[in-house]
Amino acid sequence: MKRATRFLLVLLTGLAVGACSRSVSVAPQPGTTYAILVNNQAGRSLDVAWSDGDAWRSLGTVASGTEERFIIAAPRTTTISVRGTSGATTSGPYSVTLTPGSAARVTLR
């Protein structure tokens, strides 16, 4: 009987410790998408990319003097970096905060 009680006590303690050690995450929900408007005020077309601290992901090209809307899918965090490149020239990176239901704006110069 003591052996069974001890086993049950160890099992319940392990479950309690596991339940208390869960971490809290501030990451967006998986599958969440966000809109971003990229305005290019540089004198040339720019290839636009974004990063959430991981690798840079391509969005597309924005012609000089125009604005394009892009979708950011499932970022790890709601604060991302956006940059534009043309050859060896880079505009940014600029920090952008993503908000559900609203398009974030960034201007590349």
PDB file of N, CA and C in Angstrom:
ATOM      1  N   MET A   1       0.824  -1.193   0.000  1.00  0.00           N
ATOM      2  CA  MET A   1       0.000   0.000   0.000  1.00  0.00           C
ATOM      3  C   MET A   1       0.862   1.248   0.000  1.00  0.00           C
ATOM      4  N   LYS A   2       1.944   1.228   0.801  1.00  0.00           N
ATOM      5  CA  LYS A   2       2.823   2.391   0.841  1.00  0.00           C
ATOM      6  C   LYS A   2       3.457   2.632  -0.527  1.00  0.00           C
ATOM      7  N   ARG A   3       3.789   1.559  -1.200  1.00  0.00           N
ATOM      8  CA  ARG A   3       4.415   1.674  -2.513  1.00  0.00           C
ATOM      9  C   ARG A   3       3.458   2.340  -3.508  1.00  0.00           C
ATOM     10  N   ALA A   4       2.207   1.951  -3.508  1.00  0.00           N
ATOM     11  CA  ALA A   4       1.197   2.518  -4.393  1.00  0.00           C
ATOM     12  C   ALA A   4       0.956   3.992  -4.059  1.00  0.00           C
ATOM     13  N   THR A   5       0.927   4.319  -2.774  1.00  0.00           N
ATOM     14  CA  THR A   5       0.726   5.702  -2.354  1.00  0.00           C
ATOM     15  C   THR A   5       1.909   6.571  -2.787  1.00  0.00           C
ATOM     16  N   ARG A   6       3.112   6.049  -2.607  1.00  0.00           N
ATOM     17  CA  ARG A   6       4.310   6.788  -3.005  1.00  0.00           C
ATOM     18  C   ARG A   6       4.317   7.019  -4.523  1.00  0.00           C
ATOM     19  N   PHE A   7       3.971   5.976  -5.291  1.00  0.00           N
ATOM     20  CA  PHE A   7       3.925   6.105  -6.746  1.00  0.00           C
ATOM     21  C   PHE A   7       2.910   7.170  -7.149  1.00  0.00           C
ATOM     22  N   LEU A   8       1.742   7.160  -6.549  1.00  0.00           N
ATOM     23  CA  LEU A   8       0.704   8.135  -6.856  1.00  0.00           C
ATOM     24  C   LEU A   8       1.160   9.553  -6.502  1.00  0.00           C
ATOM     25  N   LEU A   9       1.827   9.701  -5.363  1.00  0.00           N
ATOM     26  CA  LEU A   9       2.333  11.006  -4.939  1.00  0.00           C
ATOM     27  C   LEU A   9       3.380  11.532  -5.919  1.00  0.00           C
ATOM     28  N   VAL A  10       4.294  10.678  -6.360  1.00  0.00           N
ATOM     29  CA  VAL A  10       5.321  11.085  -7.331  1.00  0.00           C
ATOM     30  C   VAL A  10       4.672  11.458  -8.652  1.00  0.00           C
ATOM     31  N   LEU A  11       3.703  10.690  -9.108  1.00  0.00           N
ATOM     32  CA  LEU A  11       3.007  10.966 -10.351  1.00  0.00           C
ATOM     33  C   LEU A  11       2.273  12.306 -10.294  1.00  0.00           C
ATOM     34  N   LEU A  12       1.546  12.551  -9.220  1.00  0.00           N
ATOM     35  CA  LEU A  12       0.807  13.812  -9.084  1.00  0.00           C
ATOM     36  C   LEU A  12       1.753  15.003  -8.972  1.00  0.00           C
ATOM     37  N   THR A  13       2.872  14.842  -8.293  1.00  0.00           N
ATOM     38  CA  THR A  13       3.858  15.926  -8.187  1.00  0.00           C
ATOM     39  C   THR A  13       4.414  16.257  -9.565  1.00  0.00           C
ATOM     40  N   GLY A  14       4.726  15.242 -10.356  1.00  0.00           N
ATOM     41  CA  GLY A  14       5.230  15.462 -11.715  1.00  0.00           C
ATOM     42  C   GLY A  14       4.229  16.190 -12.584  1.00  0.00           C
ATOM     43  N   LEU A  15       2.966  15.821 -12.473  1.00  0.00           N
ATOM     44  CA  LEU A  15       1.921  16.501 -13.238  1.00  0.00           C
ATOM     45  C   LEU A  15       1.769  17.955 -12.805  1.00  0.00           C
ATOM     46  N   ALA A  16       1.832  18.214 -11.512  1.00  0.00           N
ATOM     47  CA  ALA A  16       1.691  19.580 -11.005  1.00  0.00           C
ATOM     48  C   ALA A  16       2.854  20.455 -11.466  1.00  0.00           C
ATOM     49  N   VAL A  17       4.067  19.926 -11.411  1.00  0.00           N
ATOM     50  CA  VAL A  17       5.234  20.694 -11.855  1.00  0.00           C
ATOM     51  C   VAL A  17       5.130  20.990 -13.352  1.00  0.00           C
ATOM     52  N   GLY A  18       4.714  20.013 -14.131  1.00  0.00           N
ATOM     53  CA  GLY A  18       4.554  20.218 -15.573  1.00  0.00           C
ATOM     54  C   GLY A  18       3.509  21.264 -15.895  1.00  0.00           C
ATOM     55  N   ALA A  19       2.420  21.284 -15.149  1.00  0.00           N
ATOM     56  CA  ALA A  19       1.354  22.263 -15.393  1.00  0.00           C
ATOM     57  C   ALA A  19       1.787  23.667 -14.999  1.00  0.00           C
ATOM     58  N   CYS A  20       2.621  23.800 -13.994  1.00  0.00           N
ATOM     59  CA  CYS A  20       3.052  25.116 -13.523  1.00  0.00           C
ATOM     60  C   CYS A  20       4.190  25.701 -14.357  1.00  0.00           C
ATOM     61  N   SER A  21       4.845  24.879 -15.148  1.00  0.00           N
ATOM     62  CA  SER A  21       6.018  25.372 -15.871  1.00  0.00           C
ATOM     63  C   SER A  21       5.700  25.811 -17.288  1.00  0.00           C
ATOM     64  N   ARG A  22       4.449  25.931 -17.639  1.00  0.00           N
ATOM     65  CA  ARG A  22       4.097  26.373 -18.988  1.00  0.00           C
ATOM     66  C   ARG A  22       4.502  27.829 -19.152  1.00  0.00           C
ATOM     67  N   SER A  23       5.036  28.154 -20.334  1.00  0.00           N
ATOM     68  CA  SER A  23       5.443  29.532 -20.595  1.00  0.00           C
ATOM     69  C   SER A  23       4.313  30.286 -21.289  1.00  0.00           C
ATOM     70  N   VAL A  24       4.347  31.590 -21.170  1.00  0.00           N
ATOM     71  CA  VAL A  24       3.369  32.449 -21.810  1.00  0.00           C
ATOM     72  C   VAL A  24       4.008  33.032 -23.055  1.00  0.00           C
ATOM     73  N   SER A  25       3.307  32.984 -24.170  1.00  0.00           N
ATOM     74  CA  SER A  25       3.841  33.467 -25.434  1.00  0.00           C
ATOM     75  C   SER A  25       3.064  34.690 -25.897  1.00  0.00           C
ATOM     76  N   VAL A  26       3.779  35.662 -26.474  1.00  0.00           N
ATOM     77  CA  VAL A  26       3.125  36.848 -27.024  1.00  0.00           C
ATOM     78  C   VAL A  26       3.164  36.818 -28.542  1.00  0.00           C
ATOM     79  N   ALA A  27       3.443  35.657 -29.100  1.00  0.00           N
ATOM     80  CA  ALA A  27       3.494  35.500 -30.549  1.00  0.00           C
ATOM     81  C   ALA A  27       2.075  35.499 -31.114  1.00  0.00           C
ATOM     82  N   PRO A  28       1.934  35.901 -32.364  1.00  0.00           N
ATOM     83  CA  PRO A  28       0.618  35.858 -32.992  1.00  0.00           C
ATOM     84  C   PRO A  28       0.106  34.422 -33.113  1.00  0.00           C
ATOM     85  N   GLN A  29      -1.183  34.275 -33.298  1.00  0.00           N
ATOM     86  CA  GLN A  29      -1.765  32.961 -33.499  1.00  0.00           C
ATOM     87  C   GLN A  29      -1.256  32.371 -34.813  1.00  0.00           C
ATOM     88  N   PRO A  30      -1.028  31.064 -34.851  1.00  0.00           N
ATOM     89  CA  PRO A  30      -0.593  30.435 -36.106  1.00  0.00           C
ATOM     90  C   PRO A  30      -1.608  30.699 -37.207  1.00  0.00           C
ATOM     91  N   GLY A  31      -1.133  31.019 -38.381  1.00  0.00           N
ATOM     92  CA  GLY A  31      -2.013  31.274 -39.517  1.00  0.00           C
ATOM     93  C   GLY A  31      -2.511  32.700 -39.607  1.00  0.00           C
ATOM     94  N   THR A  32      -2.156  33.554 -38.661  1.00  0.00           N
ATOM     95  CA  THR A  32      -2.590  34.946 -38.688  1.00  0.00           C
ATOM     96  C   THR A  32      -1.895  35.682 -39.837  1.00  0.00           C
ATOM     97  N   THR A  33      -2.653  36.503 -40.543  1.00  0.00           N
ATOM     98  CA  THR A  33      -2.076  37.313 -41.617  1.00  0.00           C
ATOM     99  C   THR A  33      -2.269  38.788 -41.305  1.00  0.00           C
ATOM    100  N   TYR A  34      -1.348  39.599 -41.816  1.00  0.00           N
ATOM    101  CA  TYR A  34      -1.363  41.042 -41.595  1.00  0.00           C
ATOM    102  C   TYR A  34      -1.102  41.740 -42.921  1.00  0.00           C
ATOM    103  N   ALA A  35      -1.716  42.896 -43.092  1.00  0.00           N
ATOM    104  CA  ALA A  35      -1.485  43.693 -44.298  1.00  0.00           C
ATOM    105  C   ALA A  35      -0.422  44.755 -44.013  1.00  0.00           C
ATOM    106  N   ILE A  36       0.376  45.044 -45.027  1.00  0.00           N
ATOM    107  CA  ILE A  36       1.395  46.091 -44.916  1.00  0.00           C
ATOM    108  C   ILE A  36       1.407  46.884 -46.223  1.00  0.00           C
ATOM    109  N   LEU A  37       1.444  48.198 -46.092  1.00  0.00           N
ATOM    110  CA  LEU A  37       1.539  49.092 -47.252  1.00  0.00           C
ATOM    111  C   LEU A  37       2.956  49.632 -47.310  1.00  0.00           C
ATOM    112  N   VAL A  38       3.624  49.397 -48.430  1.00  0.00           N
ATOM    113  CA  VAL A  38       5.003  49.827 -48.607  1.00  0.00           C
ATOM    114  C   VAL A  38       5.028  50.942 -49.643  1.00  0.00           C
ATOM    115  N   ASN A  39       5.440  52.130 -49.206  1.00  0.00           N
ATOM    116  CA  ASN A  39       5.551  53.296 -50.072  1.00  0.00           C
ATOM    117  C   ASN A  39       7.025  53.478 -50.425  1.00  0.00           C
ATOM    118  N   ASN A  40       7.324  53.532 -51.720  1.00  0.00           N
ATOM    119  CA  ASN A  40       8.704  53.669 -52.181  1.00  0.00           C
ATOM    120  C   ASN A  40       8.957  55.100 -52.642  1.00  0.00           C
ATOM    121  N   GLN A  41       9.692  55.862 -51.835  1.00  0.00           N
ATOM    122  CA  GLN A  41      10.058  57.232 -52.212  1.00  0.00           C
ATOM    123  C   GLN A  41      11.502  57.314 -52.698  1.00  0.00           C
ATOM    124  N   ALA A  42      12.123  56.176 -52.868  1.00  0.00           N
ATOM    125  CA  ALA A  42      13.483  56.157 -53.424  1.00  0.00           C
ATOM    126  C   ALA A  42      13.397  56.430 -54.924  1.00  0.00           C
ATOM    127  N   GLY A  43      14.473  56.797 -55.507  1.00  0.00           N
ATOM    128  CA  GLY A  43      14.501  57.128 -56.939  1.00  0.00           C
ATOM    129  C   GLY A  43      14.652  55.917 -57.847  1.00  0.00           C
ATOM    130  N   ARG A  44      14.395  54.726 -57.335  1.00  0.00           N
ATOM    131  CA  ARG A  44      14.534  53.498 -58.131  1.00  0.00           C
ATOM    132  C   ARG A  44      13.587  52.444 -57.556  1.00  0.00           C
ATOM    133  N   SER A  45      13.303  51.416 -58.349  1.00  0.00           N
ATOM    134  CA  SER A  45      12.497  50.298 -57.863  1.00  0.00           C
ATOM    135  C   SER A  45      13.261  49.555 -56.777  1.00  0.00           C
ATOM    136  N   LEU A  46      12.529  49.050 -55.787  1.00  0.00           N
ATOM    137  CA  LEU A  46      13.149  48.323 -54.684  1.00  0.00           C
ATOM    138  C   LEU A  46      12.501  46.954 -54.524  1.00  0.00           C
ATOM    139  N   ASP A  47      13.335  45.947 -54.295  1.00  0.00           N
ATOM    140  CA  ASP A  47      12.863  44.619 -53.945  1.00  0.00           C
ATOM    141  C   ASP A  47      12.654  44.619 -52.435  1.00  0.00           C
ATOM    142  N   VAL A  48      11.431  44.366 -51.992  1.00  0.00           N
ATOM    143  CA  VAL A  48      11.066  44.490 -50.583  1.00  0.00           C
ATOM    144  C   VAL A  48      11.060  43.119 -49.916  1.00  0.00           C
ATOM    145  N   ALA A  49      11.595  43.083 -48.698  1.00  0.00           N
ATOM    146  CA  ALA A  49      11.633  41.847 -47.909  1.00  0.00           C
ATOM    147  C   ALA A  49      11.329  42.173 -46.455  1.00  0.00           C
ATOM    148  N   TRP A  50      10.933  41.156 -45.692  1.00  0.00           N
ATOM    149  CA  TRP A  50      10.641  41.327 -44.268  1.00  0.00           C
ATOM    150  C   TRP A  50      11.291  40.210 -43.469  1.00  0.00           C
ATOM    151  N   SER A  51      11.498  40.498 -42.168  1.00  0.00           N
ATOM    152  CA  SER A  51      12.073  39.511 -41.264  1.00  0.00           C
ATOM    153  C   SER A  51      11.449  39.679 -39.882  1.00  0.00           C
ATOM    154  N   ASP A  52      11.222  38.550 -39.212  1.00  0.00           N
ATOM    155  CA  ASP A  52      10.748  38.569 -37.828  1.00  0.00           C
ATOM    156  C   ASP A  52      11.857  38.117 -36.891  1.00  0.00           C
ATOM    157  N   GLY A  53      13.099  38.321 -37.313  1.00  0.00           N
ATOM    158  CA  GLY A  53      14.250  37.894 -36.533  1.00  0.00           C
ATOM    159  C   GLY A  53      14.875  36.638 -37.106  1.00  0.00           C
ATOM    160  N   ASP A  54      14.211  36.054 -38.063  1.00  0.00           N
ATOM    161  CA  ASP A  54      14.703  34.867 -38.736  1.00  0.00           C
ATOM    162  C   ASP A  54      15.229  35.312 -40.109  1.00  0.00           C
ATOM    163  N   ALA A  55      15.165  34.482 -41.089  1.00  0.00           N
ATOM    164  CA  ALA A  55      15.646  34.814 -42.441  1.00  0.00           C
ATOM    165  C   ALA A  55      14.765  35.891 -43.075  1.00  0.00           C
ATOM    166  N   TRP A  56      15.324  36.626 -44.027  1.00  0.00           N
ATOM    167  CA  TRP A  56      14.564  37.617 -44.784  1.00  0.00           C
ATOM    168  C   TRP A  56      13.684  36.893 -45.796  1.00  0.00           C
ATOM    169  N   ARG A  57      12.415  37.340 -45.896  1.00  0.00           N
ATOM    170  CA  ARG A  57      11.458  36.751 -46.833  1.00  0.00           C
ATOM    171  C   ARG A  57      11.030  37.814 -47.833  1.00  0.00           C
ATOM    172  N   SER A  58      11.054  37.469 -49.085  1.00  0.00           N
ATOM    173  CA  SER A  58      10.721  38.415 -50.154  1.00  0.00           C
ATOM    174  C   SER A  58       9.219  38.688 -50.214  1.00  0.00           C
ATOM    175  N   LEU A  59       8.883  39.960 -50.435  1.00  0.00           N
ATOM    176  CA  LEU A  59       7.490  40.347 -50.641  1.00  0.00           C
ATOM    177  C   LEU A  59       7.213  40.647 -52.108  1.00  0.00           C
ATOM    178  N   GLY A  60       8.142  41.338 -52.751  1.00  0.00           N
ATOM    179  CA  GLY A  60       7.962  41.719 -54.151  1.00  0.00           C
ATOM    180  C   GLY A  60       8.673  43.025 -54.434  1.00  0.00           C
ATOM    181  N   THR A  61       8.421  43.568 -55.620  1.00  0.00           N
ATOM    182  CA  THR A  61       9.070  44.802 -56.057  1.00  0.00           C
ATOM    183  C   THR A  61       8.076  45.954 -56.000  1.00  0.00           C
ATOM    184  N   VAL A  62       8.557  47.107 -55.517  1.00  0.00           N
ATOM    185  CA  VAL A  62       7.744  48.324 -55.494  1.00  0.00           C
ATOM    186  C   VAL A  62       8.459  49.348 -56.371  1.00  0.00           C
ATOM    187  N   ALA A  63       7.768  49.814 -57.394  1.00  0.00           N
ATOM    188  CA  ALA A  63       8.346  50.803 -58.309  1.00  0.00           C
ATOM    189  C   ALA A  63       8.524  52.132 -57.598  1.00  0.00           C
ATOM    190  N   SER A  64       9.471  52.917 -58.070  1.00  0.00           N
ATOM    191  CA  SER A  64       9.741  54.244 -57.502  1.00  0.00           C
ATOM    192  C   SER A  64       8.490  55.114 -57.559  1.00  0.00           C
ATOM    193  N   GLY A  65       8.185  55.779 -56.453  1.00  0.00           N
ATOM    194  CA  GLY A  65       7.047  56.699 -56.395  1.00  0.00           C
ATOM    195  C   GLY A  65       5.691  56.019 -56.274  1.00  0.00           C
ATOM    196  N   THR A  66       5.674  54.719 -55.989  1.00  0.00           N
ATOM    197  CA  THR A  66       4.391  54.014 -55.856  1.00  0.00           C
ATOM    198  C   THR A  66       4.277  53.348 -54.489  1.00  0.00           C
ATOM    199  N   GLU A  67       3.078  52.827 -54.247  1.00  0.00           N
ATOM    200  CA  GLU A  67       2.807  52.108 -52.996  1.00  0.00           C
ATOM    201  C   GLU A  67       2.189  50.758 -53.354  1.00  0.00           C
ATOM    202  N   GLU A  68       2.623  49.713 -52.662  1.00  0.00           N
ATOM    203  CA  GLU A  68       2.087  48.374 -52.879  1.00  0.00           C
ATOM    204  C   GLU A  68       1.624  47.791 -51.551  1.00  0.00           C
ATOM    205  N   ARG A  69       0.586  46.976 -51.627  1.00  0.00           N
ATOM    206  CA  ARG A  69       0.052  46.285 -50.446  1.00  0.00           C
ATOM    207  C   ARG A  69       0.521  44.834 -50.496  1.00  0.00           C
ATOM    208  N   PHE A  70       1.031  44.355 -49.357  1.00  0.00           N
ATOM    209  CA  PHE A  70       1.494  42.981 -49.239  1.00  0.00           C
ATOM    210  C   PHE A  70       0.852  42.334 -48.016  1.00  0.00           C
ATOM    211  N   ILE A  71       0.873  41.017 -47.994  1.00  0.00           N
ATOM    212  CA  ILE A  71       0.366  40.249 -46.858  1.00  0.00           C
ATOM    213  C   ILE A  71       1.533  39.543 -46.180  1.00  0.00           C
ATOM    214  N   ILE A  72       1.625  39.714 -44.866  1.00  0.00           N
ATOM    215  CA  ILE A  72       2.618  39.024 -44.041  1.00  0.00           C
ATOM    216  C   ILE A  72       1.883  37.852 -43.397  1.00  0.00           C
ATOM    217  N   ALA A  73       2.324  36.640 -43.673  1.00  0.00           N
ATOM    218  CA  ALA A  73       1.644  35.451 -43.168  1.00  0.00           C
ATOM    219  C   ALA A  73       2.422  34.808 -42.018  1.00  0.00           C
ATOM    220  N   ALA A  74       1.741  34.625 -40.911  1.00  0.00           N
ATOM    221  CA  ALA A  74       2.239  33.883 -39.752  1.00  0.00           C
ATOM    222  C   ALA A  74       3.622  34.304 -39.261  1.00  0.00           C
ATOM    223  N   PRO A  75       3.830  35.597 -38.958  1.00  0.00           N
ATOM    224  CA  PRO A  75       5.122  35.987 -38.386  1.00  0.00           C
ATOM    225  C   PRO A  75       5.256  35.452 -36.964  1.00  0.00           C
ATOM    226  N   ARG A  76       6.493  35.305 -36.494  1.00  0.00           N
ATOM    227  CA  ARG A  76       6.730  34.825 -35.120  1.00  0.00           C
ATOM    228  C   ARG A  76       6.394  35.886 -34.090  1.00  0.00           C
ATOM    229  N   THR A  77       6.412  37.150 -34.498  1.00  0.00           N
ATOM    230  CA  THR A  77       6.135  38.262 -33.597  1.00  0.00           C
ATOM    231  C   THR A  77       5.414  39.348 -34.390  1.00  0.00           C
ATOM    232  N   THR A  78       4.743  40.269 -33.698  1.00  0.00           N
ATOM    233  CA  THR A  78       4.012  41.321 -34.409  1.00  0.00           C
ATOM    234  C   THR A  78       4.878  42.536 -34.708  1.00  0.00           C
ATOM    235  N   THR A  79       6.135  42.516 -34.318  1.00  0.00           N
ATOM    236  CA  THR A  79       7.070  43.576 -34.712  1.00  0.00           C
ATOM    237  C   THR A  79       8.077  42.953 -35.670  1.00  0.00           C
ATOM    238  N   ILE A  80       8.078  43.458 -36.903  1.00  0.00           N
ATOM    239  CA  ILE A  80       8.957  42.911 -37.933  1.00  0.00           C
ATOM    240  C   ILE A  80       9.855  44.010 -38.472  1.00  0.00           C
ATOM    241  N   SER A  81      10.835  43.622 -39.272  1.00  0.00           N
ATOM    242  CA  SER A  81      11.689  44.570 -39.975  1.00  0.00           C
ATOM    243  C   SER A  81      11.386  44.471 -41.462  1.00  0.00           C
ATOM    244  N   VAL A  82      11.390  45.621 -42.133  1.00  0.00           N
ATOM    245  CA  VAL A  82      11.145  45.676 -43.577  1.00  0.00           C
ATOM    246  C   VAL A  82      12.290  46.446 -44.206  1.00  0.00           C
ATOM    247  N   ARG A  83      12.772  45.944 -45.346  1.00  0.00           N
ATOM    248  CA  ARG A  83      13.835  46.642 -46.066  1.00  0.00           C
ATOM    249  C   ARG A  83      13.583  46.536 -47.563  1.00  0.00           C
ATOM    250  N   GLY A  84      14.185  47.476 -48.284  1.00  0.00           N
ATOM    251  CA  GLY A  84      14.141  47.446 -49.741  1.00  0.00           C
ATOM    252  C   GLY A  84      15.559  47.447 -50.273  1.00  0.00           C
ATOM    253  N   THR A  85      15.806  46.671 -51.314  1.00  0.00           N
ATOM    254  CA  THR A  85      17.143  46.620 -51.893  1.00  0.00           C
ATOM    255  C   THR A  85      17.071  46.809 -53.400  1.00  0.00           C
ATOM    256  N   SER A  86      18.127  47.421 -53.914  1.00  0.00           N
ATOM    257  CA  SER A  86      18.306  47.583 -55.353  1.00  0.00           C
ATOM    258  C   SER A  86      19.795  47.494 -55.608  1.00  0.00           C
ATOM    259  N   GLY A  87      20.249  46.362 -56.099  1.00  0.00           N
ATOM    260  CA  GLY A  87      21.686  46.157 -56.275  1.00  0.00           C
ATOM    261  C   GLY A  87      22.365  46.165 -54.920  1.00  0.00           C
ATOM    262  N   ALA A  88      23.377  47.001 -54.768  1.00  0.00           N
ATOM    263  CA  ALA A  88      24.119  47.092 -53.507  1.00  0.00           C
ATOM    264  C   ALA A  88      23.511  48.120 -52.547  1.00  0.00           C
ATOM    265  N   THR A  89      22.444  48.804 -52.958  1.00  0.00           N
ATOM    266  CA  THR A  89      21.815  49.841 -52.136  1.00  0.00           C
ATOM    267  C   THR A  89      20.664  49.247 -51.326  1.00  0.00           C
ATOM    268  N   THR A  90      20.624  49.588 -50.035  1.00  0.00           N
ATOM    269  CA  THR A  90      19.558  49.100 -49.155  1.00  0.00           C
ATOM    270  C   THR A  90      18.871  50.274 -48.472  1.00  0.00           C
ATOM    271  N   SER A  91      17.548  50.215 -48.415  1.00  0.00           N
ATOM    272  CA  SER A  91      16.748  51.183 -47.670  1.00  0.00           C
ATOM    273  C   SER A  91      16.177  50.447 -46.466  1.00  0.00           C
ATOM    274  N   GLY A  92      16.574  50.865 -45.287  1.00  0.00           N
ATOM    275  CA  GLY A  92      16.120  50.184 -44.077  1.00  0.00           C
ATOM    276  C   GLY A  92      17.229  49.355 -43.491  1.00  0.00           C
ATOM    277  N   PRO A  93      16.923  48.476 -42.592  1.00  0.00           N
ATOM    278  CA  PRO A  93      15.579  48.002 -42.247  1.00  0.00           C
ATOM    279  C   PRO A  93      14.824  48.972 -41.343  1.00  0.00           C
ATOM    280  N   TYR A  94      13.503  48.953 -41.506  1.00  0.00           N
ATOM    281  CA  TYR A  94      12.595  49.758 -40.700  1.00  0.00           C
ATOM    282  C   TYR A  94      11.755  48.831 -39.840  1.00  0.00           C
ATOM    283  N   SER A  95      11.549  49.201 -38.594  1.00  0.00           N
ATOM    284  CA  SER A  95      10.724  48.421 -37.677  1.00  0.00           C
ATOM    285  C   SER A  95       9.251  48.743 -37.930  1.00  0.00           C
ATOM    286  N   VAL A  96       8.427  47.706 -38.038  1.00  0.00           N
ATOM    287  CA  VAL A  96       7.000  47.864 -38.310  1.00  0.00           C
ATOM    288  C   VAL A  96       6.218  47.012 -37.321  1.00  0.00           C
ATOM    289  N   THR A  97       5.206  47.605 -36.699  1.00  0.00           N
ATOM    290  CA  THR A  97       4.331  46.868 -35.791  1.00  0.00           C
ATOM    291  C   THR A  97       3.069  46.481 -36.543  1.00  0.00           C
ATOM    292  N   LEU A  98       2.780  45.200 -36.560  1.00  0.00           N
ATOM    293  CA  LEU A  98       1.615  44.670 -37.265  1.00  0.00           C
ATOM    294  C   LEU A  98       0.414  44.623 -36.333  1.00  0.00           C
ATOM    295  N   THR A  99      -0.746  45.019 -36.866  1.00  0.00           N
ATOM    296  CA  THR A  99      -1.982  45.022 -36.094  1.00  0.00           C
ATOM    297  C   THR A  99      -3.067  44.309 -36.899  1.00  0.00           C
ATOM    298  N   PRO A 100      -3.750  43.343 -36.299  1.00  0.00           N
ATOM    299  CA  PRO A 100      -4.827  42.656 -37.023  1.00  0.00           C
ATOM    300  C   PRO A 100      -5.917  43.631 -37.445  1.00  0.00           C
ATOM    301  N   GLY A 101      -6.397  43.500 -38.676  1.00  0.00           N
ATOM    302  CA  GLY A 101      -7.492  44.328 -39.170  1.00  0.00           C
ATOM    303  C   GLY A 101      -7.086  45.697 -39.655  1.00  0.00           C
ATOM    304  N   SER A 102      -5.806  46.005 -39.647  1.00  0.00           N
ATOM    305  CA  SER A 102      -5.337  47.324 -40.071  1.00  0.00           C
ATOM    306  C   SER A 102      -4.020  47.162 -40.819  1.00  0.00           C
ATOM    307  N   ALA A 103      -3.848  47.913 -41.888  1.00  0.00           N
ATOM    308  CA  ALA A 103      -2.620  47.817 -42.682  1.00  0.00           C
ATOM    309  C   ALA A 103      -1.535  48.719 -42.082  1.00  0.00           C
ATOM    310  N   ALA A 104      -0.407  48.108 -41.743  1.00  0.00           N
ATOM    311  CA  ALA A 104       0.743  48.888 -41.255  1.00  0.00           C
ATOM    312  C   ALA A 104       1.369  49.597 -42.456  1.00  0.00           C
ATOM    313  N   ARG A 105       1.950  50.766 -42.228  1.00  0.00           N
ATOM    314  CA  ARG A 105       2.580  51.544 -43.313  1.00  0.00           C
ATOM    315  C   ARG A 105       4.062  51.681 -43.059  1.00  0.00           C
ATOM    316  N   VAL A 106       4.836  51.600 -44.136  1.00  0.00           N
ATOM    317  CA  VAL A 106       6.272  51.847 -44.069  1.00  0.00           C
ATOM    318  C   VAL A 106       6.677  52.570 -45.341  1.00  0.00           C
ATOM    319  N   THR A 107       7.532  53.575 -45.173  1.00  0.00           N
ATOM    320  CA  THR A 107       8.032  54.342 -46.313  1.00  0.00           C
ATOM    321  C   THR A 107       9.520  54.054 -46.487  1.00  0.00           C
ATOM    322  N   LEU A 108       9.867  53.606 -47.681  1.00  0.00           N
ATOM    323  CA  LEU A 108      11.273  53.358 -48.022  1.00  0.00           C
ATOM    324  C   LEU A 108      11.818  54.581 -48.720  1.00  0.00           C
ATOM    325  N   ARG A 109      12.989  55.045 -48.278  1.00  0.00           N
ATOM    326  CA  ARG A 109      13.605  56.248 -48.857  1.00  0.00           C
ATOM    327  C   ARG A 109      14.947  55.916 -49.453  1.00  0.00           C
TER     328      ARG A 109
END
